[in-house]
């Protein structure tokens, strides 16, 4: 009888450690509730968010350097995005940002293009140069209804 209690205790501890490990991994990979997001926030204002959502990637030179933490409507006209960028990444003050698509119909992300300035953006700064995505449906509609040939 004593032997069974010892085995049950070992199994219980093993299961508890497993659950804690899976929880920690989910929090680290998913950035749940802002946990594990270490960095600084930058602001980007676009005419059109183009499908970028909270949690979308921020890429610099093809490398993920952050996440979009918020996408909201500003003055009922523009999309205001808050980007959380890793603290060890320096983005020049004249950098530009654009909304891009991974693949032909893939998920949307924000691409950062470094500028040539030697000073860097800091927490709370706003990008001066933003480029909204090209809306393929609008382009096709203009082509069809304009009667023009390319």
C-alpha atoms as a PDB file:
ATOM      1  CA  UNK A   1       0.000   0.000   0.000  1.00  0.00           C
ATOM      2  CA  UNK A   2       2.854   2.370   0.864  1.00  0.00           C
ATOM      3  CA  UNK A   3       4.491   1.645  -2.493  1.00  0.00           C
ATOM      4  CA  UNK A   4       1.352   2.761  -4.418  1.00  0.00           C
ATOM      5  CA  UNK A   5       1.292   6.125  -2.621  1.00  0.00           C
ATOM      6  CA  UNK A   6       4.902   6.733  -3.595  1.00  0.00           C
ATOM      7  CA  UNK A   7       4.159   5.946  -7.255  1.00  0.00           C
ATOM      8  CA  UNK A   8       1.047   8.163  -7.208  1.00  0.00           C
ATOM      9  CA  UNK A   9       3.096  11.018  -5.740  1.00  0.00           C
ATOM     10  CA  UNK A  10       5.793  10.677  -8.426  1.00  0.00           C
ATOM     11  CA  UNK A  11       3.187  10.558 -11.213  1.00  0.00           C
ATOM     12  CA  UNK A  12       1.422  13.609  -9.756  1.00  0.00           C
ATOM     13  CA  UNK A  13       4.632  15.629  -9.616  1.00  0.00           C
ATOM     14  CA  UNK A  14       5.500  14.552 -13.175  1.00  0.00           C
ATOM     15  CA  UNK A  15       2.064  15.619 -14.476  1.00  0.00           C
ATOM     16  CA  UNK A  16       2.293  18.963 -12.622  1.00  0.00           C
ATOM     17  CA  UNK A  17       5.739  19.692 -14.095  1.00  0.00           C
ATOM     18  CA  UNK A  18       4.415  18.777 -17.553  1.00  0.00           C
ATOM     19  CA  UNK A  19       1.438  21.125 -17.254  1.00  0.00           C
ATOM     20  CA  UNK A  20       3.644  23.975 -16.012  1.00  0.00           C
ATOM     21  CA  UNK A  21       6.092  23.400 -18.874  1.00  0.00           C
ATOM     22  CA  UNK A  22       3.376  23.465 -21.539  1.00  0.00           C
ATOM     23  CA  UNK A  23       1.886  26.630 -19.991  1.00  0.00           C
ATOM     24  CA  UNK A  24       5.269  28.379 -19.947  1.00  0.00           C
ATOM     25  CA  UNK A  25       5.918  27.372 -23.568  1.00  0.00           C
ATOM     26  CA  UNK A  26       2.500  28.653 -24.691  1.00  0.00           C
ATOM     27  CA  UNK A  27       3.092  31.994 -22.969  1.00  0.00           C
ATOM     28  CA  UNK A  28       6.567  32.395 -24.480  1.00  0.00           C
ATOM     29  CA  UNK A  29       5.599  31.444 -28.025  1.00  0.00           C
ATOM     30  CA  UNK A  30       2.210  33.119 -28.089  1.00  0.00           C
ATOM     31  CA  UNK A  31       3.075  36.290 -26.209  1.00  0.00           C
ATOM     32  CA  UNK A  32      -0.105  35.800 -24.159  1.00  0.00           C
ATOM     33  CA  UNK A  33      -1.196  38.952 -22.375  1.00  0.00           C
ATOM     34  CA  UNK A  34       1.977  40.830 -23.185  1.00  0.00           C
ATOM     35  CA  UNK A  35       4.092  38.414 -21.173  1.00  0.00           C
ATOM     36  CA  UNK A  36       7.471  37.955 -22.770  1.00  0.00           C
ATOM     37  CA  UNK A  37       7.185  41.042 -24.991  1.00  0.00           C
ATOM     38  CA  UNK A  38      10.345  42.912 -24.146  1.00  0.00           C
ATOM     39  CA  UNK A  39      11.045  45.905 -26.259  1.00  0.00           C
ATOM     40  CA  UNK A  40       9.865  49.350 -27.137  1.00  0.00           C
ATOM     41  CA  UNK A  41       6.720  50.594 -28.842  1.00  0.00           C
ATOM     42  CA  UNK A  42       6.613  52.550 -32.089  1.00  0.00           C
ATOM     43  CA  UNK A  43       3.605  54.125 -33.793  1.00  0.00           C
ATOM     44  CA  UNK A  44       2.712  53.764 -37.468  1.00  0.00           C
ATOM     45  CA  UNK A  45      -0.296  55.423 -39.091  1.00  0.00           C
ATOM     46  CA  UNK A  46      -1.566  53.983 -42.389  1.00  0.00           C
ATOM     47  CA  UNK A  47      -4.361  54.971 -44.763  1.00  0.00           C
ATOM     48  CA  UNK A  48      -5.344  51.283 -44.810  1.00  0.00           C
ATOM     49  CA  UNK A  49      -4.320  48.502 -42.398  1.00  0.00           C
ATOM     50  CA  UNK A  50      -4.711  45.981 -45.213  1.00  0.00           C
ATOM     51  CA  UNK A  51      -5.564  43.050 -42.962  1.00  0.00           C
ATOM     52  CA  UNK A  52      -2.761  43.468 -40.412  1.00  0.00           C
ATOM     53  CA  UNK A  53      -4.009  42.331 -37.023  1.00  0.00           C
ATOM     54  CA  UNK A  54      -2.822  42.284 -33.463  1.00  0.00           C
ATOM     55  CA  UNK A  55      -0.057  39.692 -33.277  1.00  0.00           C
ATOM     56  CA  UNK A  56       1.109  40.148 -36.886  1.00  0.00           C
ATOM     57  CA  UNK A  57       4.876  40.053 -37.388  1.00  0.00           C
ATOM     58  CA  UNK A  58       7.154  43.056 -37.795  1.00  0.00           C
ATOM     59  CA  UNK A  59      10.082  42.205 -40.096  1.00  0.00           C
ATOM     60  CA  UNK A  60      13.360  43.972 -40.759  1.00  0.00           C
ATOM     61  CA  UNK A  61      15.594  42.518 -43.492  1.00  0.00           C
ATOM     62  CA  UNK A  62      13.367  39.438 -43.516  1.00  0.00           C
ATOM     63  CA  UNK A  63      13.894  38.783 -39.792  1.00  0.00           C
ATOM     64  CA  UNK A  64      11.077  38.973 -37.241  1.00  0.00           C
ATOM     65  CA  UNK A  65      11.994  41.821 -34.877  1.00  0.00           C
ATOM     66  CA  UNK A  66       8.631  42.407 -33.218  1.00  0.00           C
ATOM     67  CA  UNK A  67       4.856  42.117 -33.224  1.00  0.00           C
ATOM     68  CA  UNK A  68       1.915  44.385 -33.861  1.00  0.00           C
ATOM     69  CA  UNK A  69       0.342  44.932 -30.444  1.00  0.00           C
ATOM     70  CA  UNK A  70      -2.610  47.080 -31.481  1.00  0.00           C
ATOM     71  CA  UNK A  71      -4.546  48.117 -34.599  1.00  0.00           C
ATOM     72  CA  UNK A  72      -7.185  50.796 -34.066  1.00  0.00           C
ATOM     73  CA  UNK A  73      -9.052  53.429 -36.056  1.00  0.00           C
ATOM     74  CA  UNK A  74      -7.712  56.981 -35.744  1.00  0.00           C
ATOM     75  CA  UNK A  75     -10.083  59.882 -36.414  1.00  0.00           C
ATOM     76  CA  UNK A  76     -12.401  57.560 -38.376  1.00  0.00           C
ATOM     77  CA  UNK A  77      -9.976  57.801 -41.310  1.00  0.00           C
ATOM     78  CA  UNK A  78      -6.690  56.055 -40.665  1.00  0.00           C
ATOM     79  CA  UNK A  79      -5.325  52.881 -39.116  1.00  0.00           C
ATOM     80  CA  UNK A  80      -3.140  53.414 -36.052  1.00  0.00           C
ATOM     81  CA  UNK A  81      -0.738  50.561 -35.327  1.00  0.00           C
ATOM     82  CA  UNK A  82       1.392  50.076 -32.265  1.00  0.00           C
ATOM     83  CA  UNK A  83       4.471  47.969 -32.997  1.00  0.00           C
ATOM     84  CA  UNK A  84       6.459  46.301 -30.223  1.00  0.00           C
ATOM     85  CA  UNK A  85      10.061  46.010 -31.408  1.00  0.00           C
ATOM     86  CA  UNK A  86      12.765  43.991 -29.677  1.00  0.00           C
ATOM     87  CA  UNK A  87      14.920  46.199 -27.457  1.00  0.00           C
ATOM     88  CA  UNK A  88      18.139  45.027 -29.125  1.00  0.00           C
ATOM     89  CA  UNK A  89      16.995  46.250 -32.582  1.00  0.00           C
ATOM     90  CA  UNK A  90      17.765  49.849 -33.569  1.00  0.00           C
ATOM     91  CA  UNK A  91      15.547  51.434 -36.197  1.00  0.00           C
ATOM     92  CA  UNK A  92      16.743  54.628 -37.853  1.00  0.00           C
ATOM     93  CA  UNK A  93      14.676  57.779 -37.413  1.00  0.00           C
ATOM     94  CA  UNK A  94      14.050  58.006 -41.173  1.00  0.00           C
ATOM     95  CA  UNK A  95      12.954  54.366 -41.555  1.00  0.00           C
ATOM     96  CA  UNK A  96       9.767  53.601 -43.449  1.00  0.00           C
ATOM     97  CA  UNK A  97       7.172  50.901 -42.829  1.00  0.00           C
ATOM     98  CA  UNK A  98       4.872  49.121 -45.243  1.00  0.00           C
ATOM     99  CA  UNK A  99       2.198  46.449 -45.084  1.00  0.00           C
ATOM    100  CA  UNK A 100       3.163  43.335 -47.043  1.00  0.00           C
ATOM    101  CA  UNK A 101       1.841  39.834 -47.654  1.00  0.00           C
ATOM    102  CA  UNK A 102       3.695  36.588 -47.068  1.00  0.00           C
ATOM    103  CA  UNK A 103       3.330  34.808 -50.383  1.00  0.00           C
ATOM    104  CA  UNK A 104       0.514  35.431 -52.843  1.00  0.00           C
ATOM    105  CA  UNK A 105      -2.428  35.133 -50.459  1.00  0.00           C
ATOM    106  CA  UNK A 106      -0.602  34.676 -47.165  1.00  0.00           C
ATOM    107  CA  UNK A 107      -0.854  36.498 -43.889  1.00  0.00           C
ATOM    108  CA  UNK A 108      -0.069  40.194 -43.612  1.00  0.00           C
ATOM    109  CA  UNK A 109       2.977  41.640 -41.855  1.00  0.00           C
ATOM    110  CA  UNK A 110       4.653  45.007 -41.354  1.00  0.00           C
ATOM    111  CA  UNK A 111       8.002  45.472 -43.088  1.00  0.00           C
ATOM    112  CA  UNK A 112      10.502  48.016 -41.790  1.00  0.00           C
ATOM    113  CA  UNK A 113      12.955  49.558 -44.255  1.00  0.00           C
ATOM    114  CA  UNK A 114      15.955  51.201 -42.602  1.00  0.00           C
ATOM    115  CA  UNK A 115      16.923  54.707 -43.627  1.00  0.00           C
ATOM    116  CA  UNK A 116      20.339  56.359 -43.665  1.00  0.00           C
ATOM    117  CA  UNK A 117      20.145  58.554 -40.556  1.00  0.00           C
ATOM    118  CA  UNK A 118      22.435  57.807 -37.642  1.00  0.00           C
ATOM    119  CA  UNK A 119      19.916  58.525 -34.899  1.00  0.00           C
ATOM    120  CA  UNK A 120      17.326  55.966 -33.863  1.00  0.00           C
ATOM    121  CA  UNK A 121      13.672  55.818 -32.914  1.00  0.00           C
ATOM    122  CA  UNK A 122      12.889  55.412 -29.219  1.00  0.00           C
ATOM    123  CA  UNK A 123       9.861  54.240 -27.272  1.00  0.00           C
ATOM    124  CA  UNK A 124       6.744  56.153 -28.346  1.00  0.00           C
ATOM    125  CA  UNK A 125       8.160  57.593 -31.582  1.00  0.00           C
ATOM    126  CA  UNK A 126       6.138  57.608 -34.794  1.00  0.00           C
ATOM    127  CA  UNK A 127       7.249  56.605 -38.282  1.00  0.00           C
ATOM    128  CA  UNK A 128       7.148  59.528 -40.704  1.00  0.00           C
ATOM    129  CA  UNK A 129       6.902  57.386 -43.824  1.00  0.00           C
ATOM    130  CA  UNK A 130       4.270  54.637 -44.145  1.00  0.00           C
ATOM    131  CA  UNK A 131       3.066  52.752 -47.201  1.00  0.00           C
ATOM    132  CA  UNK A 132      -0.358  51.127 -47.224  1.00  0.00           C
ATOM    133  CA  UNK A 133      -0.828  47.870 -49.117  1.00  0.00           C
ATOM    134  CA  UNK A 134      -1.910  47.771 -52.730  1.00  0.00           C
ATOM    135  CA  UNK A 135      -5.533  46.690 -52.885  1.00  0.00           C
ATOM    136  CA  UNK A 136      -5.682  44.153 -55.709  1.00  0.00           C
ATOM    137  CA  UNK A 137      -9.490  44.261 -55.875  1.00  0.00           C
ATOM    138  CA  UNK A 138      -9.470  48.034 -56.426  1.00  0.00           C
ATOM    139  CA  UNK A 139      -6.847  47.713 -59.157  1.00  0.00           C
ATOM    140  CA  UNK A 140      -8.833  45.040 -60.974  1.00  0.00           C
ATOM    141  CA  UNK A 141     -12.019  47.086 -60.639  1.00  0.00           C
ATOM    142  CA  UNK A 142     -10.361  50.173 -62.103  1.00  0.00           C
ATOM    143  CA  UNK A 143      -8.991  48.141 -64.993  1.00  0.00           C
ATOM    144  CA  UNK A 144     -12.310  46.473 -65.774  1.00  0.00           C
ATOM    145  CA  UNK A 145     -14.457  49.603 -65.557  1.00  0.00           C
ATOM    146  CA  UNK A 146     -12.027  52.071 -67.121  1.00  0.00           C
ATOM    147  CA  UNK A 147     -11.973  50.305 -70.480  1.00  0.00           C
ATOM    148  CA  UNK A 148      -8.224  50.859 -70.756  1.00  0.00           C
ATOM    149  CA  UNK A 149      -5.803  48.192 -71.855  1.00  0.00           C
ATOM    150  CA  UNK A 150      -2.411  47.863 -70.227  1.00  0.00           C
END
